[in-house]
C-alpha atoms as a PDB file:
ATOM      1  CA  UNK A   1     150.591 -40.734  50.705  1.00  0.00           C
ATOM      2  CA  UNK A   2     150.781 -43.044  47.836  1.00  0.00           C
ATOM      3  CA  UNK A   3     153.967 -43.509  45.870  1.00  0.00           C
ATOM      4  CA  UNK A   4     153.706 -43.173  42.219  1.00  0.00           C
ATOM      5  CA  UNK A   5     155.463 -45.553  39.962  1.00  0.00           C
ATOM      6  CA  UNK A   6     157.121 -44.314  36.844  1.00  0.00           C
ATOM      7  CA  UNK A   7     155.751 -45.845  33.717  1.00  0.00           C
ATOM      8  CA  UNK A   8     157.953 -47.991  31.470  1.00  0.00           C
ATOM      9  CA  UNK A   9     157.448 -45.497  28.663  1.00  0.00           C
ATOM     10  CA  UNK A  10     159.480 -42.871  30.554  1.00  0.00           C
ATOM     11  CA  UNK A  11     162.341 -45.279  31.235  1.00  0.00           C
ATOM     12  CA  UNK A  12     162.573 -46.411  27.595  1.00  0.00           C
ATOM     13  CA  UNK A  13     162.663 -42.852  26.340  1.00  0.00           C
ATOM     14  CA  UNK A  14     165.944 -42.178  28.155  1.00  0.00           C
ATOM     15  CA  UNK A  15     167.787 -45.165  26.605  1.00  0.00           C
ATOM     16  CA  UNK A  16     170.047 -44.644  23.573  1.00  0.00           C
ATOM     17  CA  UNK A  17     172.871 -42.376  22.525  1.00  0.00           C
ATOM     18  CA  UNK A  18     172.840 -38.766  21.598  1.00  0.00           C
ATOM     19  CA  UNK A  19     174.278 -37.396  18.398  1.00  0.00           C
ATOM     20  CA  UNK A  20     177.139 -35.820  20.363  1.00  0.00           C
ATOM     21  CA  UNK A  21     178.079 -39.186  21.908  1.00  0.00           C
ATOM     22  CA  UNK A  22     178.088 -40.878  18.503  1.00  0.00           C
ATOM     23  CA  UNK A  23     180.269 -38.124  17.005  1.00  0.00           C
ATOM     24  CA  UNK A  24     182.758 -38.376  19.879  1.00  0.00           C
ATOM     25  CA  UNK A  25     182.985 -42.168  19.531  1.00  0.00           C
ATOM     26  CA  UNK A  26     183.506 -41.828  15.774  1.00  0.00           C
ATOM     27  CA  UNK A  27     186.245 -39.224  16.247  1.00  0.00           C
ATOM     28  CA  UNK A  28     188.090 -41.436  18.756  1.00  0.00           C
ATOM     29  CA  UNK A  29     187.830 -44.458  16.447  1.00  0.00           C
ATOM     30  CA  UNK A  30     189.152 -42.507  13.445  1.00  0.00           C
ATOM     31  CA  UNK A  31     192.047 -41.145  15.504  1.00  0.00           C
ATOM     32  CA  UNK A  32     193.048 -44.649  16.606  1.00  0.00           C
ATOM     33  CA  UNK A  33     192.818 -45.940  13.023  1.00  0.00           C
ATOM     34  CA  UNK A  34     194.936 -43.029  11.804  1.00  0.00           C
ATOM     35  CA  UNK A  35     197.650 -43.978  14.276  1.00  0.00           C
ATOM     36  CA  UNK A  36     197.403 -47.736  13.766  1.00  0.00           C
ATOM     37  CA  UNK A  37     197.255 -48.203   9.986  1.00  0.00           C
ATOM     38  CA  UNK A  38     200.789 -46.907   9.243  1.00  0.00           C
ATOM     39  CA  UNK A  39     202.107 -49.268  11.918  1.00  0.00           C
ATOM     40  CA  UNK A  40     200.351 -52.188  10.229  1.00  0.00           C
ATOM     41  CA  UNK A  41     202.286 -51.668   6.986  1.00  0.00           C
ATOM     42  CA  UNK A  42     205.560 -51.943   8.903  1.00  0.00           C
ATOM     43  CA  UNK A  43     204.408 -55.205  10.449  1.00  0.00           C
ATOM     44  CA  UNK A  44     203.830 -56.636   6.959  1.00  0.00           C
ATOM     45  CA  UNK A  45     207.479 -56.372   5.833  1.00  0.00           C
ATOM     46  CA  UNK A  46     208.938 -59.426   7.648  1.00  0.00           C
ATOM     47  CA  UNK A  47     206.134 -61.625   6.350  1.00  0.00           C
ATOM     48  CA  UNK A  48     206.620 -60.391   2.780  1.00  0.00           C
ATOM     49  CA  UNK A  49     210.364 -61.104   3.022  1.00  0.00           C
ATOM     50  CA  UNK A  50     209.734 -64.635   4.295  1.00  0.00           C
ATOM     51  CA  UNK A  51     207.134 -65.225   1.579  1.00  0.00           C
ATOM     52  CA  UNK A  52     209.460 -64.008  -1.194  1.00  0.00           C
ATOM     53  CA  UNK A  53     212.348 -66.210  -0.056  1.00  0.00           C
ATOM     54  CA  UNK A  54     210.074 -69.262   0.319  1.00  0.00           C
ATOM     55  CA  UNK A  55     208.623 -68.595  -3.135  1.00  0.00           C
ATOM     56  CA  UNK A  56     212.085 -68.678  -4.733  1.00  0.00           C
ATOM     57  CA  UNK A  57     213.117 -71.774  -2.759  1.00  0.00           C
ATOM     58  CA  UNK A  58     209.931 -73.569  -3.795  1.00  0.00           C
ATOM     59  CA  UNK A  59     210.457 -72.738  -7.451  1.00  0.00           C
ATOM     60  CA  UNK A  60     214.056 -74.002  -7.270  1.00  0.00           C
ATOM     61  CA  UNK A  61     212.653 -77.308  -6.032  1.00  0.00           C
ATOM     62  CA  UNK A  62     209.934 -77.281  -8.705  1.00  0.00           C
ATOM     63  CA  UNK A  63     212.539 -76.835 -11.453  1.00  0.00           C
ATOM     64  CA  UNK A  64     214.633 -79.632  -9.964  1.00  0.00           C
ATOM     65  CA  UNK A  65     211.695 -82.050  -9.753  1.00  0.00           C
ATOM     66  CA  UNK A  66     210.562 -81.269 -13.300  1.00  0.00           C
ATOM     67  CA  UNK A  67     214.097 -81.850 -14.595  1.00  0.00           C
ATOM     68  CA  UNK A  68     214.129 -85.303 -13.012  1.00  0.00           C
ATOM     69  CA  UNK A  69     210.536 -86.212 -13.937  1.00  0.00           C
ATOM     70  CA  UNK A  70     210.757 -85.077 -17.574  1.00  0.00           C
ATOM     71  CA  UNK A  71     214.381 -86.126 -18.093  1.00  0.00           C
ATOM     72  CA  UNK A  72     215.344 -82.746 -19.517  1.00  0.00           C
ATOM     73  CA  UNK A  73     217.361 -79.789 -18.246  1.00  0.00           C
ATOM     74  CA  UNK A  74     215.583 -76.941 -16.468  1.00  0.00           C
ATOM     75  CA  UNK A  75     216.809 -73.524 -15.465  1.00  0.00           C
ATOM     76  CA  UNK A  76     215.494 -70.593 -13.477  1.00  0.00           C
ATOM     77  CA  UNK A  77     216.142 -67.277 -15.225  1.00  0.00           C
ATOM     78  CA  UNK A  78     216.162 -64.187 -12.988  1.00  0.00           C
ATOM     79  CA  UNK A  79     215.527 -60.570 -13.957  1.00  0.00           C
ATOM     80  CA  UNK A  80     216.548 -58.680 -10.826  1.00  0.00           C
ATOM     81  CA  UNK A  81     215.656 -55.235 -12.193  1.00  0.00           C
ATOM     82  CA  UNK A  82     212.050 -56.276 -12.876  1.00  0.00           C
ATOM     83  CA  UNK A  83     211.874 -58.429  -9.698  1.00  0.00           C
ATOM     84  CA  UNK A  84     210.749 -61.433 -11.766  1.00  0.00           C
ATOM     85  CA  UNK A  85     211.969 -64.896 -12.682  1.00  0.00           C
ATOM     86  CA  UNK A  86     210.874 -67.690 -15.014  1.00  0.00           C
ATOM     87  CA  UNK A  87     211.191 -71.476 -15.049  1.00  0.00           C
ATOM     88  CA  UNK A  88     212.448 -72.711 -18.418  1.00  0.00           C
ATOM     89  CA  UNK A  89     212.961 -76.162 -19.932  1.00  0.00           C
ATOM     90  CA  UNK A  90     215.442 -77.149 -22.595  1.00  0.00           C
ATOM     91  CA  UNK A  91     213.643 -77.814 -25.895  1.00  0.00           C
ATOM     92  CA  UNK A  92     216.795 -78.294 -28.001  1.00  0.00           C
ATOM     93  CA  UNK A  93     220.462 -78.319 -26.981  1.00  0.00           C
ATOM     94  CA  UNK A  94     221.092 -75.005 -25.158  1.00  0.00           C
ATOM     95  CA  UNK A  95     217.697 -73.622 -26.231  1.00  0.00           C
ATOM     96  CA  UNK A  96     215.325 -72.955 -23.347  1.00  0.00           C
ATOM     97  CA  UNK A  97     211.613 -72.101 -23.518  1.00  0.00           C
ATOM     98  CA  UNK A  98     209.361 -70.876 -20.715  1.00  0.00           C
ATOM     99  CA  UNK A  99     207.594 -73.599 -18.756  1.00  0.00           C
ATOM    100  CA  UNK A 100     204.922 -71.691 -16.858  1.00  0.00           C
ATOM    101  CA  UNK A 101     204.355 -68.023 -16.229  1.00  0.00           C
ATOM    102  CA  UNK A 102     206.658 -65.320 -15.004  1.00  0.00           C
ATOM    103  CA  UNK A 103     206.836 -65.138 -11.212  1.00  0.00           C
ATOM    104  CA  UNK A 104     206.893 -61.731  -9.503  1.00  0.00           C
ATOM    105  CA  UNK A 105     208.137 -60.994  -5.996  1.00  0.00           C
ATOM    106  CA  UNK A 106     205.793 -59.337  -3.464  1.00  0.00           C
ATOM    107  CA  UNK A 107     205.554 -55.546  -3.549  1.00  0.00           C
ATOM    108  CA  UNK A 108     208.602 -53.857  -2.024  1.00  0.00           C
ATOM    109  CA  UNK A 109     210.845 -56.931  -2.196  1.00  0.00           C
ATOM    110  CA  UNK A 110     214.037 -56.759  -4.266  1.00  0.00           C
ATOM    111  CA  UNK A 111     216.531 -59.436  -5.225  1.00  0.00           C
ATOM    112  CA  UNK A 112     220.091 -59.678  -6.453  1.00  0.00           C
ATOM    113  CA  UNK A 113     221.151 -61.475  -9.586  1.00  0.00           C
ATOM    114  CA  UNK A 114     221.941 -65.148  -8.952  1.00  0.00           C
ATOM    115  CA  UNK A 115     225.523 -65.826  -7.959  1.00  0.00           C
ATOM    116  CA  UNK A 116     227.397 -67.135  -9.994  1.00  0.00           C
ATOM    117  CA  UNK A 117     224.703 -67.541 -12.717  1.00  0.00           C
ATOM    118  CA  UNK A 118     221.145 -68.742 -13.368  1.00  0.00           C
ATOM    119  CA  UNK A 119     220.843 -72.306 -12.056  1.00  0.00           C
ATOM    120  CA  UNK A 120     220.514 -75.091 -14.636  1.00  0.00           C
ATOM    121  CA  UNK A 121     219.335 -78.439 -13.252  1.00  0.00           C
ATOM    122  CA  UNK A 122     220.466 -81.490 -15.222  1.00  0.00           C
ATOM    123  CA  UNK A 123     218.306 -84.577 -15.780  1.00  0.00           C
ATOM    124  CA  UNK A 124     219.353 -85.911 -12.360  1.00  0.00           C
ATOM    125  CA  UNK A 125     218.346 -82.671 -10.608  1.00  0.00           C
ATOM    126  CA  UNK A 126     221.905 -81.549  -9.926  1.00  0.00           C
ATOM    127  CA  UNK A 127     223.722 -78.248 -10.532  1.00  0.00           C
ATOM    128  CA  UNK A 128     227.224 -77.466 -11.746  1.00  0.00           C
ATOM    129  CA  UNK A 129     227.871 -75.211  -8.724  1.00  0.00           C
ATOM    130  CA  UNK A 130     226.077 -73.732  -5.722  1.00  0.00           C
ATOM    131  CA  UNK A 131     223.757 -70.837  -6.626  1.00  0.00           C
ATOM    132  CA  UNK A 132     222.490 -68.146  -4.258  1.00  0.00           C
ATOM    133  CA  UNK A 133     219.986 -65.307  -4.587  1.00  0.00           C
ATOM    134  CA  UNK A 134     219.538 -62.584  -1.942  1.00  0.00           C
ATOM    135  CA  UNK A 135     216.083 -61.149  -1.279  1.00  0.00           C
ATOM    136  CA  UNK A 136     215.694 -57.837   0.588  1.00  0.00           C
ATOM    137  CA  UNK A 137     212.801 -55.918   2.062  1.00  0.00           C
ATOM    138  CA  UNK A 138     213.228 -52.347   3.357  1.00  0.00           C
ATOM    139  CA  UNK A 139     212.986 -52.244   7.129  1.00  0.00           C
ATOM    140  CA  UNK A 140     213.066 -56.024   7.427  1.00  0.00           C
ATOM    141  CA  UNK A 141     216.501 -57.192   6.307  1.00  0.00           C
ATOM    142  CA  UNK A 142     217.834 -59.693   3.794  1.00  0.00           C
ATOM    143  CA  UNK A 143     217.490 -63.438   3.320  1.00  0.00           C
ATOM    144  CA  UNK A 144     219.648 -65.575   1.046  1.00  0.00           C
ATOM    145  CA  UNK A 145     218.232 -68.554  -0.826  1.00  0.00           C
ATOM    146  CA  UNK A 146     220.953 -71.080  -1.715  1.00  0.00           C
ATOM    147  CA  UNK A 147     220.691 -74.268  -3.740  1.00  0.00           C
ATOM    148  CA  UNK A 148     223.717 -76.586  -3.607  1.00  0.00           C
ATOM    149  CA  UNK A 149     225.065 -78.882  -6.329  1.00  0.00           C
ATOM    150  CA  UNK A 150     222.888 -81.765  -5.112  1.00  0.00           C
ATOM    151  CA  UNK A 151     219.722 -79.629  -5.321  1.00  0.00           C
ATOM    152  CA  UNK A 152     219.190 -78.991  -1.612  1.00  0.00           C
ATOM    153  CA  UNK A 153     217.677 -75.560  -1.009  1.00  0.00           C
ATOM    154  CA  UNK A 154     218.254 -73.527   2.153  1.00  0.00           C
ATOM    155  CA  UNK A 155     217.129 -70.090   3.338  1.00  0.00           C
ATOM    156  CA  UNK A 156     219.392 -68.145   5.674  1.00  0.00           C
END
């Protein structure tokens, strides 16, 4: 009795996935995405808070360096309700004009008005008093950006 061998054509015909298998895999994938995507937005909050506080600290340093380099006073004017701020240079005594565009905080981030007032860097890059701005992000906490009278910026 001779054994018959199956042809390769029969074996290849059984390879692949059925429509039911593809639909089940798609349903499982969509279910996992539906669970995971809302969690991803919560993971974004701490990074947005850190980015917003670093952005403000960097712009404090930019204003300070420009004040020294251009030998003119610079200030950072905050609009806490609009979540924006602008770097301004002094064009005439006590008259400031924008030096660059308006900066906006990342979506969801809020800030307090600067305490005690908008910082004004003199031609040596120094302030009259320490200035602090608090940045908050829902579900992530608050960070405070402080610039001291010598122009050193810290985030806490």
